[in-house]
Amino acid sequence: MRKFVEWAQNEIAVVPDFHKRILFSDETHFCLNGYVNKQNCRIWSEANPQVYVETPLHPEKLTIWCALWAGGILPQKR
């Protein structure tokens, strides 16, 4: 992290509005059939229920993408 901060400080010294040129983005997928991605959610229980749940190979989903920059927020959904 320290190297990144030093790099950013050097860039700002050379280009004063450097921070206005940075774009942060991310995306996530929401399954529309109630399926929960086990990589994003942990269920804690005292018992191991061994439940079989059939799910489609490719469940219907909504992908949300968003980016933040000095000019505001850029939302997009697919």
PDB file of N, CA and C in Angstrom:
ATOM      1  N   MET A   1       0.830  -1.193   0.000  1.00  0.00           N
ATOM      2  CA  MET A   1       0.000   0.000   0.000  1.00  0.00           C
ATOM      3  C   MET A   1       0.872   1.253   0.000  1.00  0.00           C
ATOM      4  N   ARG A   2       1.970   1.201   0.709  1.00  0.00           N
ATOM      5  CA  ARG A   2       2.851   2.365   0.793  1.00  0.00           C
ATOM      6  C   ARG A   2       3.408   2.732  -0.585  1.00  0.00           C
ATOM      7  N   LYS A   3       3.767   1.715  -1.380  1.00  0.00           N
ATOM      8  CA  LYS A   3       4.293   1.975  -2.725  1.00  0.00           C
ATOM      9  C   LYS A   3       3.240   2.661  -3.590  1.00  0.00           C
ATOM     10  N   PHE A   4       1.986   2.208  -3.442  1.00  0.00           N
ATOM     11  CA  PHE A   4       0.910   2.821  -4.214  1.00  0.00           C
ATOM     12  C   PHE A   4       0.732   4.287  -3.827  1.00  0.00           C
ATOM     13  N   VAL A   5       0.764   4.577  -2.535  1.00  0.00           N
ATOM     14  CA  VAL A   5       0.611   5.959  -2.055  1.00  0.00           C
ATOM     15  C   VAL A   5       1.748   6.830  -2.574  1.00  0.00           C
ATOM     16  N   GLU A   6       2.970   6.315  -2.516  1.00  0.00           N
ATOM     17  CA  GLU A   6       4.118   7.074  -3.032  1.00  0.00           C
ATOM     18  C   GLU A   6       3.973   7.319  -4.531  1.00  0.00           C
ATOM     19  N   TRP A   7       3.544   6.296  -5.261  1.00  0.00           N
ATOM     20  CA  TRP A   7       3.329   6.451  -6.701  1.00  0.00           C
ATOM     21  C   TRP A   7       2.264   7.517  -6.978  1.00  0.00           C
ATOM     22  N   ALA A   8       1.141   7.455  -6.261  1.00  0.00           N
ATOM     23  CA  ALA A   8       0.061   8.422  -6.458  1.00  0.00           C
ATOM     24  C   ALA A   8       0.523   9.837  -6.117  1.00  0.00           C
ATOM     25  N   GLN A   9       1.283   9.996  -5.058  1.00  0.00           N
ATOM     26  CA  GLN A   9       1.788  11.325  -4.692  1.00  0.00           C
ATOM     27  C   GLN A   9       2.711  11.868  -5.780  1.00  0.00           C
ATOM     28  N   ASN A  10       3.543  11.020  -6.357  1.00  0.00           N
ATOM     29  CA  ASN A  10       4.420  11.451  -7.452  1.00  0.00           C
ATOM     30  C   ASN A  10       3.612  11.859  -8.673  1.00  0.00           C
ATOM     31  N   GLU A  11       2.574  11.087  -8.994  1.00  0.00           N
ATOM     32  CA  GLU A  11       1.732  11.424 -10.148  1.00  0.00           C
ATOM     33  C   GLU A  11       1.028  12.764  -9.931  1.00  0.00           C
ATOM     34  N   ILE A  12       0.528  12.990  -8.723  1.00  0.00           N
ATOM     35  CA  ILE A  12      -0.163  14.246  -8.410  1.00  0.00           C
ATOM     36  C   ILE A  12       0.808  15.418  -8.483  1.00  0.00           C
ATOM     37  N   ALA A  13       2.065  15.203  -8.111  1.00  0.00           N
ATOM     38  CA  ALA A  13       3.071  16.270  -8.197  1.00  0.00           C
ATOM     39  C   ALA A  13       3.326  16.653  -9.652  1.00  0.00           C
ATOM     40  N   VAL A  14       3.268  15.679 -10.556  1.00  0.00           N
ATOM     41  CA  VAL A  14       3.522  15.938 -11.983  1.00  0.00           C
ATOM     42  C   VAL A  14       2.264  16.449 -12.679  1.00  0.00           C
ATOM     43  N   VAL A  15       1.122  15.819 -12.386  1.00  0.00           N
ATOM     44  CA  VAL A  15      -0.159  16.186 -13.013  1.00  0.00           C
ATOM     45  C   VAL A  15      -1.131  16.541 -11.891  1.00  0.00           C
ATOM     46  N   PRO A  16      -1.320  17.826 -11.597  1.00  0.00           N
ATOM     47  CA  PRO A  16      -2.137  18.244 -10.449  1.00  0.00           C
ATOM     48  C   PRO A  16      -3.564  17.676 -10.430  1.00  0.00           C
ATOM     49  N   ASP A  17      -4.185  17.495 -11.603  1.00  0.00           N
ATOM     50  CA  ASP A  17      -5.551  16.956 -11.608  1.00  0.00           C
ATOM     51  C   ASP A  17      -5.565  15.445 -11.870  1.00  0.00           C
ATOM     52  N   PHE A  18      -4.491  14.775 -11.528  1.00  0.00           N
ATOM     53  CA  PHE A  18      -4.373  13.327 -11.732  1.00  0.00           C
ATOM     54  C   PHE A  18      -5.530  12.566 -11.086  1.00  0.00           C
ATOM     55  N   HIS A  19      -5.913  12.963  -9.881  1.00  0.00           N
ATOM     56  CA  HIS A  19      -6.992  12.269  -9.171  1.00  0.00           C
ATOM     57  C   HIS A  19      -8.316  12.324  -9.929  1.00  0.00           C
ATOM     58  N   LYS A  20      -8.472  13.320 -10.801  1.00  0.00           N
ATOM     59  CA  LYS A  20      -9.705  13.434 -11.580  1.00  0.00           C
ATOM     60  C   LYS A  20      -9.724  12.473 -12.765  1.00  0.00           C
ATOM     61  N   ARG A  21      -8.609  11.832 -13.037  1.00  0.00           N
ATOM     62  CA  ARG A  21      -8.506  10.918 -14.177  1.00  0.00           C
ATOM     63  C   ARG A  21      -8.610   9.450 -13.765  1.00  0.00           C
ATOM     64  N   ILE A  22      -8.845   9.188 -12.494  1.00  0.00           N
ATOM     65  CA  ILE A  22      -8.933   7.811 -12.003  1.00  0.00           C
ATOM     66  C   ILE A  22     -10.383   7.345 -12.064  1.00  0.00           C
ATOM     67  N   LEU A  23     -10.578   6.117 -12.537  1.00  0.00           N
ATOM     68  CA  LEU A  23     -11.898   5.506 -12.634  1.00  0.00           C
ATOM     69  C   LEU A  23     -11.870   4.196 -11.844  1.00  0.00           C
ATOM     70  N   PHE A  24     -12.741   4.072 -10.842  1.00  0.00           N
ATOM     71  CA  PHE A  24     -12.867   2.846 -10.059  1.00  0.00           C
ATOM     72  C   PHE A  24     -14.123   2.125 -10.536  1.00  0.00           C
ATOM     73  N   SER A  25     -14.020   0.835 -10.834  1.00  0.00           N
ATOM     74  CA  SER A  25     -15.200   0.112 -11.308  1.00  0.00           C
ATOM     75  C   SER A  25     -15.285  -1.274 -10.680  1.00  0.00           C
ATOM     76  N   ASP A  26     -16.508  -1.826 -10.709  1.00  0.00           N
ATOM     77  CA  ASP A  26     -16.748  -3.174 -10.205  1.00  0.00           C
ATOM     78  C   ASP A  26     -18.050  -3.679 -10.814  1.00  0.00           C
ATOM     79  N   GLU A  27     -18.235  -4.991 -10.784  1.00  0.00           N
ATOM     80  CA  GLU A  27     -19.493  -5.571 -11.242  1.00  0.00           C
ATOM     81  C   GLU A  27     -19.848  -6.749 -10.352  1.00  0.00           C
ATOM     82  N   THR A  28     -21.143  -7.074 -10.344  1.00  0.00           N
ATOM     83  CA  THR A  28     -21.611  -8.235  -9.597  1.00  0.00           C
ATOM     84  C   THR A  28     -22.795  -8.834 -10.328  1.00  0.00           C
ATOM     85  N   HIS A  29     -23.100 -10.081 -10.020  1.00  0.00           N
ATOM     86  CA  HIS A  29     -24.210 -10.790 -10.646  1.00  0.00           C
ATOM     87  C   HIS A  29     -25.246 -11.131  -9.577  1.00  0.00           C
ATOM     88  N   PHE A  30     -26.511 -10.870  -9.869  1.00  0.00           N
ATOM     89  CA  PHE A  30     -27.612 -11.228  -8.981  1.00  0.00           C
ATOM     90  C   PHE A  30     -28.446 -12.291  -9.677  1.00  0.00           C
ATOM     91  N   CYS A  31     -28.543 -13.477  -9.084  1.00  0.00           N
ATOM     92  CA  CYS A  31     -29.384 -14.537  -9.638  1.00  0.00           C
ATOM     93  C   CYS A  31     -30.836 -14.213  -9.314  1.00  0.00           C
ATOM     94  N   LEU A  32     -31.712 -14.378 -10.302  1.00  0.00           N
ATOM     95  CA  LEU A  32     -33.107 -13.984 -10.136  1.00  0.00           C
ATOM     96  C   LEU A  32     -34.003 -15.126  -9.660  1.00  0.00           C
ATOM     97  N   ASN A  33     -33.442 -16.329  -9.470  1.00  0.00           N
ATOM     98  CA  ASN A  33     -34.257 -17.463  -9.040  1.00  0.00           C
ATOM     99  C   ASN A  33     -34.103 -17.769  -7.551  1.00  0.00           C
ATOM    100  N   GLY A  34     -33.454 -16.887  -6.810  1.00  0.00           N
ATOM    101  CA  GLY A  34     -33.261 -17.102  -5.385  1.00  0.00           C
ATOM    102  C   GLY A  34     -31.985 -17.837  -5.036  1.00  0.00           C
ATOM    103  N   TYR A  35     -31.227 -18.271  -6.036  1.00  0.00           N
ATOM    104  CA  TYR A  35     -29.963 -18.970  -5.803  1.00  0.00           C
ATOM    105  C   TYR A  35     -28.954 -18.006  -5.191  1.00  0.00           C
ATOM    106  N   VAL A  36     -28.211 -18.474  -4.189  1.00  0.00           N
ATOM    107  CA  VAL A  36     -27.194 -17.654  -3.538  1.00  0.00           C
ATOM    108  C   VAL A  36     -25.829 -18.228  -3.875  1.00  0.00           C
ATOM    109  N   ASN A  37     -24.930 -17.406  -4.380  1.00  0.00           N
ATOM    110  CA  ASN A  37     -23.566 -17.837  -4.682  1.00  0.00           C
ATOM    111  C   ASN A  37     -22.850 -18.117  -3.367  1.00  0.00           C
ATOM    112  N   LYS A  38     -22.455 -19.367  -3.166  1.00  0.00           N
ATOM    113  CA  LYS A  38     -21.830 -19.745  -1.896  1.00  0.00           C
ATOM    114  C   LYS A  38     -20.463 -19.102  -1.706  1.00  0.00           C
ATOM    115  N   GLN A  39     -19.874 -18.575  -2.759  1.00  0.00           N
ATOM    116  CA  GLN A  39     -18.597 -17.877  -2.623  1.00  0.00           C
ATOM    117  C   GLN A  39     -18.789 -16.509  -1.969  1.00  0.00           C
ATOM    118  N   ASN A  40     -20.008 -15.968  -2.076  1.00  0.00           N
ATOM    119  CA  ASN A  40     -20.289 -14.642  -1.522  1.00  0.00           C
ATOM    120  C   ASN A  40     -21.067 -14.703  -0.213  1.00  0.00           C
ATOM    121  N   CYS A  41     -21.531 -15.888   0.167  1.00  0.00           N
ATOM    122  CA  CYS A  41     -22.387 -16.003   1.350  1.00  0.00           C
ATOM    123  C   CYS A  41     -22.021 -17.269   2.116  1.00  0.00           C
ATOM    124  N   ARG A  42     -21.884 -17.179   3.395  1.00  0.00           N
ATOM    125  CA  ARG A  42     -21.595 -18.334   4.244  1.00  0.00           C
ATOM    126  C   ARG A  42     -22.772 -18.552   5.187  1.00  0.00           C
ATOM    127  N   ILE A  43     -23.203 -19.817   5.288  1.00  0.00           N
ATOM    128  CA  ILE A  43     -24.298 -20.169   6.187  1.00  0.00           C
ATOM    129  C   ILE A  43     -23.713 -21.017   7.307  1.00  0.00           C
ATOM    130  N   TRP A  44     -23.873 -20.553   8.549  1.00  0.00           N
ATOM    131  CA  TRP A  44     -23.327 -21.257   9.707  1.00  0.00           C
ATOM    132  C   TRP A  44     -24.457 -22.014  10.392  1.00  0.00           C
ATOM    133  N   SER A  45     -24.211 -23.278  10.704  1.00  0.00           N
ATOM    134  CA  SER A  45     -25.222 -24.111  11.339  1.00  0.00           C
ATOM    135  C   SER A  45     -24.543 -25.097  12.287  1.00  0.00           C
ATOM    136  N   GLU A  46     -25.269 -25.503  13.332  1.00  0.00           N
ATOM    137  CA  GLU A  46     -24.739 -26.504  14.253  1.00  0.00           C
ATOM    138  C   GLU A  46     -24.816 -27.898  13.643  1.00  0.00           C
ATOM    139  N   ALA A  47     -25.746 -28.110  12.710  1.00  0.00           N
ATOM    140  CA  ALA A  47     -25.922 -29.410  12.059  1.00  0.00           C
ATOM    141  C   ALA A  47     -25.580 -29.293  10.577  1.00  0.00           C
ATOM    142  N   ASN A  48     -25.197 -30.402   9.968  1.00  0.00           N
ATOM    143  CA  ASN A  48     -24.907 -30.453   8.536  1.00  0.00           C
ATOM    144  C   ASN A  48     -26.100 -31.126   7.859  1.00  0.00           C
ATOM    145  N   PRO A  49     -27.050 -30.366   7.288  1.00  0.00           N
ATOM    146  CA  PRO A  49     -28.314 -30.935   6.818  1.00  0.00           C
ATOM    147  C   PRO A  49     -28.220 -31.802   5.548  1.00  0.00           C
ATOM    148  N   GLN A  50     -27.150 -31.772   4.776  1.00  0.00           N
ATOM    149  CA  GLN A  50     -27.011 -32.587   3.566  1.00  0.00           C
ATOM    150  C   GLN A  50     -28.259 -32.491   2.683  1.00  0.00           C
ATOM    151  N   VAL A  51     -28.621 -31.294   2.287  1.00  0.00           N
ATOM    152  CA  VAL A  51     -29.804 -31.067   1.468  1.00  0.00           C
ATOM    153  C   VAL A  51     -29.402 -31.000   0.006  1.00  0.00           C
ATOM    154  N   TYR A  52     -30.147 -31.700  -0.855  1.00  0.00           N
ATOM    155  CA  TYR A  52     -29.901 -31.663  -2.296  1.00  0.00           C
ATOM    156  C   TYR A  52     -30.844 -30.642  -2.910  1.00  0.00           C
ATOM    157  N   VAL A  53     -30.302 -29.650  -3.583  1.00  0.00           N
ATOM    158  CA  VAL A  53     -31.107 -28.626  -4.239  1.00  0.00           C
ATOM    159  C   VAL A  53     -30.720 -28.600  -5.706  1.00  0.00           C
ATOM    160  N   GLU A  54     -31.694 -28.846  -6.582  1.00  0.00           N
ATOM    161  CA  GLU A  54     -31.429 -28.847  -8.021  1.00  0.00           C
ATOM    162  C   GLU A  54     -31.504 -27.415  -8.540  1.00  0.00           C
ATOM    163  N   THR A  55     -30.487 -26.997  -9.262  1.00  0.00           N
ATOM    164  CA  THR A  55     -30.467 -25.657  -9.849  1.00  0.00           C
ATOM    165  C   THR A  55     -30.147 -25.777 -11.329  1.00  0.00           C
ATOM    166  N   PRO A  56     -30.682 -24.892 -12.152  1.00  0.00           N
ATOM    167  CA  PRO A  56     -30.380 -24.916 -13.579  1.00  0.00           C
ATOM    168  C   PRO A  56     -28.888 -24.670 -13.815  1.00  0.00           C
ATOM    169  N   LEU A  57     -28.394 -25.137 -14.956  1.00  0.00           N
ATOM    170  CA  LEU A  57     -26.986 -24.964 -15.274  1.00  0.00           C
ATOM    171  C   LEU A  57     -26.617 -23.487 -15.355  1.00  0.00           C
ATOM    172  N   HIS A  58     -27.473 -22.690 -15.972  1.00  0.00           N
ATOM    173  CA  HIS A  58     -27.223 -21.252 -16.107  1.00  0.00           C
ATOM    174  C   HIS A  58     -28.461 -20.496 -15.624  1.00  0.00           C
ATOM    175  N   PRO A  59     -28.525 -20.173 -14.345  1.00  0.00           N
ATOM    176  CA  PRO A  59     -29.703 -19.477 -13.826  1.00  0.00           C
ATOM    177  C   PRO A  59     -29.836 -18.071 -14.410  1.00  0.00           C
ATOM    178  N   GLU A  60     -31.077 -17.613 -14.472  1.00  0.00           N
ATOM    179  CA  GLU A  60     -31.343 -16.261 -14.952  1.00  0.00           C
ATOM    180  C   GLU A  60     -30.700 -15.279 -13.981  1.00  0.00           C
ATOM    181  N   LYS A  61     -29.991 -14.293 -14.518  1.00  0.00           N
ATOM    182  CA  LYS A  61     -29.284 -13.362 -13.643  1.00  0.00           C
ATOM    183  C   LYS A  61     -29.282 -11.951 -14.217  1.00  0.00           C
ATOM    184  N   LEU A  62     -28.971 -11.018 -13.355  1.00  0.00           N
ATOM    185  CA  LEU A  62     -28.832  -9.615 -13.722  1.00  0.00           C
ATOM    186  C   LEU A  62     -27.426  -9.192 -13.319  1.00  0.00           C
ATOM    187  N   THR A  63     -26.687  -8.618 -14.264  1.00  0.00           N
ATOM    188  CA  THR A  63     -25.334  -8.152 -13.981  1.00  0.00           C
ATOM    189  C   THR A  63     -25.364  -6.638 -13.826  1.00  0.00           C
ATOM    190  N   ILE A  64     -24.817  -6.157 -12.736  1.00  0.00           N
ATOM    191  CA  ILE A  64     -24.747  -4.716 -12.478  1.00  0.00           C
ATOM    192  C   ILE A  64     -23.286  -4.295 -12.503  1.00  0.00           C
ATOM    193  N   TRP A  65     -23.005  -3.240 -13.247  1.00  0.00           N
ATOM    194  CA  TRP A  65     -21.657  -2.675 -13.334  1.00  0.00           C
ATOM    195  C   TRP A  65     -21.755  -1.207 -12.957  1.00  0.00           C
ATOM    196  N   CYS A  66     -20.787  -0.725 -12.229  1.00  0.00           N
ATOM    197  CA  CYS A  66     -20.792   0.673 -11.815  1.00  0.00           C
ATOM    198  C   CYS A  66     -19.360   1.187 -11.762  1.00  0.00           C
ATOM    199  N   ALA A  67     -19.188   2.450 -12.106  1.00  0.00           N
ATOM    200  CA  ALA A  67     -17.867   3.073 -12.021  1.00  0.00           C
ATOM    201  C   ALA A  67     -18.005   4.430 -11.351  1.00  0.00           C
ATOM    202  N   LEU A  68     -16.994   4.785 -10.574  1.00  0.00           N
ATOM    203  CA  LEU A  68     -16.934   6.083  -9.900  1.00  0.00           C
ATOM    204  C   LEU A  68     -15.719   6.839 -10.399  1.00  0.00           C
ATOM    205  N   TRP A  69     -15.885   8.118 -10.635  1.00  0.00           N
ATOM    206  CA  TRP A  69     -14.764   8.976 -10.997  1.00  0.00           C
ATOM    207  C   TRP A  69     -15.094  10.390 -10.550  1.00  0.00           C
ATOM    208  N   ALA A  70     -14.214  11.331 -10.753  1.00  0.00           N
ATOM    209  CA  ALA A  70     -14.408  12.703 -10.276  1.00  0.00           C
ATOM    210  C   ALA A  70     -15.664  13.340 -10.859  1.00  0.00           C
ATOM    211  N   GLY A  71     -16.087  12.892 -12.031  1.00  0.00           N
ATOM    212  CA  GLY A  71     -17.270  13.452 -12.678  1.00  0.00           C
ATOM    213  C   GLY A  71     -18.574  12.850 -12.212  1.00  0.00           C
ATOM    214  N   GLY A  72     -18.529  11.825 -11.369  1.00  0.00           N
ATOM    215  CA  GLY A  72     -19.759  11.227 -10.868  1.00  0.00           C
ATOM    216  C   GLY A  72     -19.747   9.716 -10.912  1.00  0.00           C
ATOM    217  N   ILE A  73     -20.954   9.146 -11.093  1.00  0.00           N
ATOM    218  CA  ILE A  73     -21.147   7.699 -11.112  1.00  0.00           C
ATOM    219  C   ILE A  73     -21.639   7.297 -12.497  1.00  0.00           C
ATOM    220  N   LEU A  74     -21.086   6.198 -13.011  1.00  0.00           N
ATOM    221  CA  LEU A  74     -21.502   5.676 -14.308  1.00  0.00           C
ATOM    222  C   LEU A  74     -22.163   4.318 -14.099  1.00  0.00           C
ATOM    223  N   PRO A  75     -23.497   4.238 -13.964  1.00  0.00           N
ATOM    224  CA  PRO A  75     -24.136   2.934 -13.792  1.00  0.00           C
ATOM    225  C   PRO A  75     -24.492   2.303 -15.131  1.00  0.00           C
ATOM    226  N   GLN A  76     -24.530   0.989 -15.159  1.00  0.00           N
ATOM    227  CA  GLN A  76     -24.946   0.267 -16.349  1.00  0.00           C
ATOM    228  C   GLN A  76     -25.454  -1.086 -15.902  1.00  0.00           C
ATOM    229  N   LYS A  77     -26.535  -1.563 -16.500  1.00  0.00           N
ATOM    230  CA  LYS A  77     -26.991  -2.915 -16.201  1.00  0.00           C
ATOM    231  C   LYS A  77     -27.140  -3.674 -17.505  1.00  0.00           C
ATOM    232  N   ARG A  78     -26.838  -4.968 -17.434  1.00  0.00           N
ATOM    233  CA  ARG A  78     -26.942  -5.820 -18.623  1.00  0.00           C
ATOM    234  C   ARG A  78     -27.907  -6.939 -18.354  1.00  0.00           C
TER     235      ARG A  78
END
